[in-house]
C-alpha atoms as a PDB file:
ATOM      1  CA  MET A   1       8.347 -18.095 -51.088  1.00  0.00           C
ATOM      2  CA  SER A   2       8.967 -17.768 -47.341  1.00  0.00           C
ATOM      3  CA  THR A   3       6.853 -19.889 -44.992  1.00  0.00           C
ATOM      4  CA  SER A   4       8.199 -18.821 -41.598  1.00  0.00           C
ATOM      5  CA  ASN A   5       6.672 -16.299 -39.220  1.00  0.00           C
ATOM      6  CA  GLN A   6       9.991 -14.462 -38.995  1.00  0.00           C
ATOM      7  CA  PRO A   7      10.495 -11.146 -40.805  1.00  0.00           C
ATOM      8  CA  ALA A   8      12.037 -11.268 -44.232  1.00  0.00           C
ATOM      9  CA  ALA A   9      15.580 -10.089 -44.854  1.00  0.00           C
ATOM     10  CA  GLY A  10      14.574  -6.428 -44.953  1.00  0.00           C
ATOM     11  CA  GLY A  11      13.150  -6.576 -41.418  1.00  0.00           C
ATOM     12  CA  GLN A  12       9.544  -6.392 -42.645  1.00  0.00           C
ATOM     13  CA  PRO A  13       7.055  -9.259 -42.353  1.00  0.00           C
ATOM     14  CA  SER A  14       6.792 -11.352 -45.440  1.00  0.00           C
ATOM     15  CA  ALA A  15       4.169 -10.035 -47.893  1.00  0.00           C
ATOM     16  CA  ASP A  16       3.363 -13.534 -49.148  1.00  0.00           C
ATOM     17  CA  ARG A  17       1.898 -14.565 -45.778  1.00  0.00           C
ATOM     18  CA  PRO A  18      -1.487 -12.814 -45.870  1.00  0.00           C
ATOM     19  CA  GLN A  19      -3.100 -15.269 -43.451  1.00  0.00           C
ATOM     20  CA  ALA A  20      -0.464 -14.700 -40.745  1.00  0.00           C
ATOM     21  CA  ARG A  21      -0.631 -10.947 -41.322  1.00  0.00           C
ATOM     22  CA  ALA A  22      -4.433 -10.980 -41.046  1.00  0.00           C
ATOM     23  CA  GLN A  23      -4.257 -12.959 -37.796  1.00  0.00           C
ATOM     24  CA  ASP A  24      -1.646 -10.535 -36.438  1.00  0.00           C
ATOM     25  CA  GLU A  25      -3.783  -7.504 -37.293  1.00  0.00           C
ATOM     26  CA  ALA A  26      -6.868  -9.191 -35.874  1.00  0.00           C
ATOM     27  CA  SER A  27      -5.110  -9.880 -32.585  1.00  0.00           C
ATOM     28  CA  ARG A  28      -3.893  -6.282 -32.429  1.00  0.00           C
ATOM     29  CA  GLY A  29      -7.367  -4.965 -33.175  1.00  0.00           C
ATOM     30  CA  GLN A  30      -8.882  -7.213 -30.524  1.00  0.00           C
ATOM     31  CA  ARG A  31      -6.348  -6.028 -27.997  1.00  0.00           C
ATOM     32  CA  TYR A  32      -7.355  -2.380 -28.425  1.00  0.00           C
ATOM     33  CA  SER A  33     -11.018  -2.528 -29.275  1.00  0.00           C
ATOM     34  CA  GLY A  34     -12.436  -5.411 -27.311  1.00  0.00           C
ATOM     35  CA  GLY A  35     -12.493  -7.046 -23.927  1.00  0.00           C
ATOM     36  CA  THR A  36     -10.780  -4.538 -21.669  1.00  0.00           C
ATOM     37  CA  GLY A  37     -12.685  -1.408 -22.642  1.00  0.00           C
ATOM     38  CA  ARG A  38      -9.492   0.633 -22.979  1.00  0.00           C
ATOM     39  CA  GLY A  39      -8.666   2.568 -26.106  1.00  0.00           C
ATOM     40  CA  HIS A  40     -12.178   2.568 -27.567  1.00  0.00           C
ATOM     41  CA  ASP A  41     -14.870   5.206 -27.273  1.00  0.00           C
ATOM     42  CA  THR A  42     -18.283   5.226 -28.910  1.00  0.00           C
ATOM     43  CA  ASP A  43     -17.427   8.374 -30.848  1.00  0.00           C
ATOM     44  CA  GLY A  44     -14.139   6.893 -32.093  1.00  0.00           C
ATOM     45  CA  GLN A  45     -11.930   9.703 -30.798  1.00  0.00           C
ATOM     46  CA  ASN A  46      -9.913   7.461 -28.538  1.00  0.00           C
ATOM     47  CA  ALA A  47      -9.722   4.547 -30.984  1.00  0.00           C
ATOM     48  CA  PRO A  48      -6.287   3.277 -31.997  1.00  0.00           C
ATOM     49  CA  ALA A  49      -4.700   4.904 -35.000  1.00  0.00           C
ATOM     50  CA  ARG A  50      -3.252   3.126 -38.018  1.00  0.00           C
ATOM     51  CA  ASN A  51       0.230   4.081 -39.117  1.00  0.00           C
ATOM     52  CA  ASN A  52       0.797   2.916 -42.671  1.00  0.00           C
ATOM     53  CA  ASP A  53       4.235   1.636 -43.520  1.00  0.00           C
ATOM     54  CA  ALA A  54       5.918   1.687 -46.927  1.00  0.00           C
ATOM     55  CA  HIS A  55       3.907  -1.333 -48.128  1.00  0.00           C
ATOM     56  CA  GLY A  56       0.531   0.135 -47.234  1.00  0.00           C
ATOM     57  CA  ARG A  57       0.002  -2.170 -44.262  1.00  0.00           C
ATOM     58  CA  GLY A  58      -1.337  -0.498 -41.165  1.00  0.00           C
ATOM     59  CA  ALA A  59       0.116  -1.171 -37.735  1.00  0.00           C
ATOM     60  CA  MET A  60      -2.113  -0.576 -34.706  1.00  0.00           C
ATOM     61  CA  THR A  61      -0.796   1.880 -32.147  1.00  0.00           C
ATOM     62  CA  ALA A  62      -2.183   2.994 -28.819  1.00  0.00           C
ATOM     63  CA  PRO A  63      -3.433   6.579 -28.560  1.00  0.00           C
ATOM     64  CA  THR A  64      -1.060   8.941 -26.805  1.00  0.00           C
ATOM     65  CA  ASN A  65      -3.662  10.202 -24.352  1.00  0.00           C
ATOM     66  CA  SER A  66      -5.043   6.811 -23.292  1.00  0.00           C
ATOM     67  CA  TYR A  67      -6.637   6.552 -19.877  1.00  0.00           C
ATOM     68  CA  GLN A  68      -4.537   4.845 -17.193  1.00  0.00           C
ATOM     69  CA  PRO A  69      -6.755   4.160 -14.171  1.00  0.00           C
ATOM     70  CA  TYR A  70      -3.962   3.336 -11.697  1.00  0.00           C
ATOM     71  CA  ALA A  71      -1.348   5.827 -12.841  1.00  0.00           C
ATOM     72  CA  GLN A  72       0.264   7.966 -10.161  1.00  0.00           C
ATOM     73  CA  PRO A  73       0.092  11.743 -10.554  1.00  0.00           C
ATOM     74  CA  THR A  74       3.340  13.474 -11.311  1.00  0.00           C
ATOM     75  CA  GLY A  75       4.897  15.810  -8.794  1.00  0.00           C
ATOM     76  CA  ARG A  76       4.292  16.012  -5.067  1.00  0.00           C
ATOM     77  CA  TRP A  77       0.779  16.648  -3.828  1.00  0.00           C
ATOM     78  CA  GLU A  78       0.256  18.265  -0.452  1.00  0.00           C
ATOM     79  CA  TYR A  79      -2.635  19.848   1.372  1.00  0.00           C
ATOM     80  CA  VAL A  80      -2.631  23.623   1.036  1.00  0.00           C
ATOM     81  CA  PRO A  81      -4.753  25.262   3.741  1.00  0.00           C
ATOM     82  CA  GLY A  82      -7.230  27.917   2.747  1.00  0.00           C
ATOM     83  CA  SER A  83      -7.348  29.849   6.015  1.00  0.00           C
ATOM     84  CA  PRO A  84      -5.223  30.288   9.157  1.00  0.00           C
ATOM     85  CA  GLU A  85      -7.598  28.029  11.100  1.00  0.00           C
ATOM     86  CA  ASP A  86      -7.106  25.280   8.505  1.00  0.00           C
ATOM     87  CA  ALA A  87      -3.343  25.734   8.703  1.00  0.00           C
ATOM     88  CA  GLN A  88      -3.411  25.469  12.494  1.00  0.00           C
ATOM     89  CA  ARG A  89      -5.620  22.385  12.382  1.00  0.00           C
ATOM     90  CA  GLN A  90      -3.335  20.803   9.770  1.00  0.00           C
ATOM     91  CA  GLN A  91      -0.312  21.455  12.005  1.00  0.00           C
ATOM     92  CA  GLN A  92      -2.106  19.779  14.940  1.00  0.00           C
ATOM     93  CA  VAL A  93      -2.973  16.807  12.734  1.00  0.00           C
ATOM     94  CA  LEU A  94       0.642  16.433  11.611  1.00  0.00           C
ATOM     95  CA  LYS A  95       1.942  16.694  15.185  1.00  0.00           C
ATOM     96  CA  SER A  96      -0.573  14.148  16.480  1.00  0.00           C
ATOM     97  CA  THR A  97       0.102  11.744  13.612  1.00  0.00           C
ATOM     98  CA  ASP A  98       3.870  11.916  14.075  1.00  0.00           C
ATOM     99  CA  ALA A  99       3.555  11.611  17.852  1.00  0.00           C
ATOM    100  CA  SER A 100       1.322   8.545  17.560  1.00  0.00           C
ATOM    101  CA  LEU A 101       3.788   6.853  15.217  1.00  0.00           C
ATOM    102  CA  VAL A 102       6.807   7.598  17.418  1.00  0.00           C
ATOM    103  CA  LEU A 103       5.000   6.589  20.608  1.00  0.00           C
ATOM    104  CA  GLY A 104       3.698   3.438  18.908  1.00  0.00           C
ATOM    105  CA  ILE A 105       7.183   2.396  17.818  1.00  0.00           C
ATOM    106  CA  LEU A 106       8.600   3.101  21.266  1.00  0.00           C
ATOM    107  CA  GLY A 107       5.653   1.325  22.895  1.00  0.00           C
ATOM    108  CA  VAL A 108       6.268  -1.839  20.889  1.00  0.00           C
ATOM    109  CA  THR A 109      10.065  -1.884  21.075  1.00  0.00           C
ATOM    110  CA  VAL A 110      11.238  -0.220  24.295  1.00  0.00           C
ATOM    111  CA  LEU A 111       8.612   1.006  26.758  1.00  0.00           C
ATOM    112  CA  PRO A 112       5.143  -0.565  26.540  1.00  0.00           C
ATOM    113  CA  ILE A 113       3.866   2.073  28.983  1.00  0.00           C
ATOM    114  CA  LEU A 114       3.941   4.577  26.068  1.00  0.00           C
ATOM    115  CA  ALA A 115       1.527   2.529  23.920  1.00  0.00           C
ATOM    116  CA  PRO A 116      -1.739   3.952  25.365  1.00  0.00           C
ATOM    117  CA  PHE A 117      -0.463   7.445  24.576  1.00  0.00           C
ATOM    118  CA  ALA A 118       0.086   6.364  20.950  1.00  0.00           C
ATOM    119  CA  VAL A 119      -3.548   5.260  20.724  1.00  0.00           C
ATOM    120  CA  TRP A 120      -4.648   8.531  22.297  1.00  0.00           C
ATOM    121  CA  GLN A 121      -2.618  10.634  19.830  1.00  0.00           C
ATOM    122  CA  ALA A 122      -3.888   8.577  16.869  1.00  0.00           C
ATOM    123  CA  SER A 123      -7.498   9.086  17.978  1.00  0.00           C
ATOM    124  CA  LYS A 124      -6.849  12.807  18.348  1.00  0.00           C
ATOM    125  CA  ALA A 125      -5.384  12.971  14.825  1.00  0.00           C
ATOM    126  CA  GLU A 126      -8.348  11.077  13.369  1.00  0.00           C
ATOM    127  CA  LYS A 127     -10.834  13.409  15.089  1.00  0.00           C
ATOM    128  CA  LEU A 128      -9.058  16.338  13.438  1.00  0.00           C
ATOM    129  CA  GLY A 129      -9.346  14.705  10.028  1.00  0.00           C
ATOM    130  CA  GLY A 130      -5.925  13.071   9.707  1.00  0.00           C
ATOM    131  CA  ARG A 131      -4.901   9.470   9.172  1.00  0.00           C
ATOM    132  CA  ALA A 132      -2.807   7.800  11.854  1.00  0.00           C
ATOM    133  CA  THR A 133      -3.398   4.142  11.096  1.00  0.00           C
ATOM    134  CA  ALA A 134       0.182   2.985  11.703  1.00  0.00           C
ATOM    135  CA  GLY A 135       0.393   4.768  15.055  1.00  0.00           C
ATOM    136  CA  LYS A 136      -2.961   3.356  16.141  1.00  0.00           C
ATOM    137  CA  ILE A 137      -2.023  -0.216  15.177  1.00  0.00           C
ATOM    138  CA  LEU A 138       1.377   0.022  16.848  1.00  0.00           C
ATOM    139  CA  GLY A 139      -0.292   1.558  19.894  1.00  0.00           C
ATOM    140  CA  TRP A 140      -2.768  -1.314  20.234  1.00  0.00           C
ATOM    141  CA  VAL A 141       0.018  -3.879  19.773  1.00  0.00           C
ATOM    142  CA  GLY A 142       1.932  -2.053  22.511  1.00  0.00           C
ATOM    143  CA  VAL A 143      -1.145  -2.099  24.756  1.00  0.00           C
ATOM    144  CA  ALA A 144      -1.404  -5.860  24.264  1.00  0.00           C
ATOM    145  CA  LEU A 145       2.287  -6.204  25.134  1.00  0.00           C
ATOM    146  CA  LEU A 146       1.761  -4.001  28.199  1.00  0.00           C
ATOM    147  CA  ILE A 147      -1.077  -6.239  29.372  1.00  0.00           C
ATOM    148  CA  LEU A 148       1.111  -9.319  28.872  1.00  0.00           C
ATOM    149  CA  VAL A 149       3.965  -7.705  30.817  1.00  0.00           C
ATOM    150  CA  VAL A 150       1.628  -6.792  33.686  1.00  0.00           C
ATOM    151  CA  LEU A 151       0.221 -10.329  33.787  1.00  0.00           C
ATOM    152  CA  TRP A 152       3.766 -11.758  33.730  1.00  0.00           C
ATOM    153  CA  VAL A 153       4.811  -9.517  36.640  1.00  0.00           C
ATOM    154  CA  ILE A 154       1.711 -10.557  38.631  1.00  0.00           C
ATOM    155  CA  PHE A 155       2.488 -14.211  37.905  1.00  0.00           C
ATOM    156  CA  LEU A 156       6.118 -13.814  39.027  1.00  0.00           C
ATOM    157  CA  MET A 157       5.054 -11.992  42.195  1.00  0.00           C
ATOM    158  CA  ALA A 158       2.562 -14.767  42.996  1.00  0.00           C
ATOM    159  CA  ILE A 159       5.221 -17.437  42.540  1.00  0.00           C
ATOM    160  CA  TRP A 160       7.689 -15.397  44.605  1.00  0.00           C
ATOM    161  CA  GLY A 161       5.121 -14.989  47.391  1.00  0.00           C
ATOM    162  CA  PHE A 162       4.294 -18.704  47.347  1.00  0.00           C
ATOM    163  CA  ALA A 163       8.003 -19.631  47.439  1.00  0.00           C
ATOM    164  CA  MET A 164       8.651 -17.213  50.336  1.00  0.00           C
ATOM    165  CA  SER A 165       5.725 -18.585  52.368  1.00  0.00           C
ATOM    166  CA  GLU A 166       6.987 -22.144  51.826  1.00  0.00           C
ATOM    167  CA  MET A 167      10.488 -21.130  52.921  1.00  0.00           C
ATOM    168  CA  GLN A 168       9.024 -19.386  55.974  1.00  0.00           C
ATOM    169  CA  ASP A 169       7.062 -22.523  56.904  1.00  0.00           C
ATOM    170  CA  GLN A 170      10.168 -24.701  56.511  1.00  0.00           C
ATOM    171  CA  PHE A 171      12.213 -22.311  58.610  1.00  0.00           C
ATOM    172  CA  ASN A 172       9.548 -22.241  61.353  1.00  0.00           C
ATOM    173  CA  SER A 173       9.168 -26.036  61.414  1.00  0.00           C
ATOM    174  CA  SER A 174      12.937 -26.605  61.619  1.00  0.00           C
ATOM    175  CA  ASN A 175      13.305 -24.179  64.583  1.00  0.00           C
ATOM    176  CA  VAL A 176      10.636 -25.762  66.711  1.00  0.00           C
END
């Protein structure tokens, strides 16, 4: 008589462990029919099936057409316009979205003066029904950087002007 939970020599669970087998089947049944709500319909069509093995014991299996709420669709999905006006509007949306992203990246990394144009293009794309979130965010970050650069330049010019006036006063007082 085997007392371990391991399969017997033939690879099948031991038949003389009915309590362990009952617990195993109960846990499988609970997994599919309770708690999560998956794999169980009121009419029983989506309930798990039992596949009987050579010993007459049924193993629980998931249905092949079970619902997967977060599964990604297969293939590539794109918008297909229904009329020439829709196609033209879709082309404008794509151009504005791409332009806002490119201008936003350039506004954050190289030229902050381009950032307001990124926000403008993103707003234009959103008015046409597109999504330009990345371009809009990068544009606003670039606008913030532009404001900081302008404030820094004003600060440096003020210090430069103060230093020049002090040098002028020293030069005038030493000549007199």
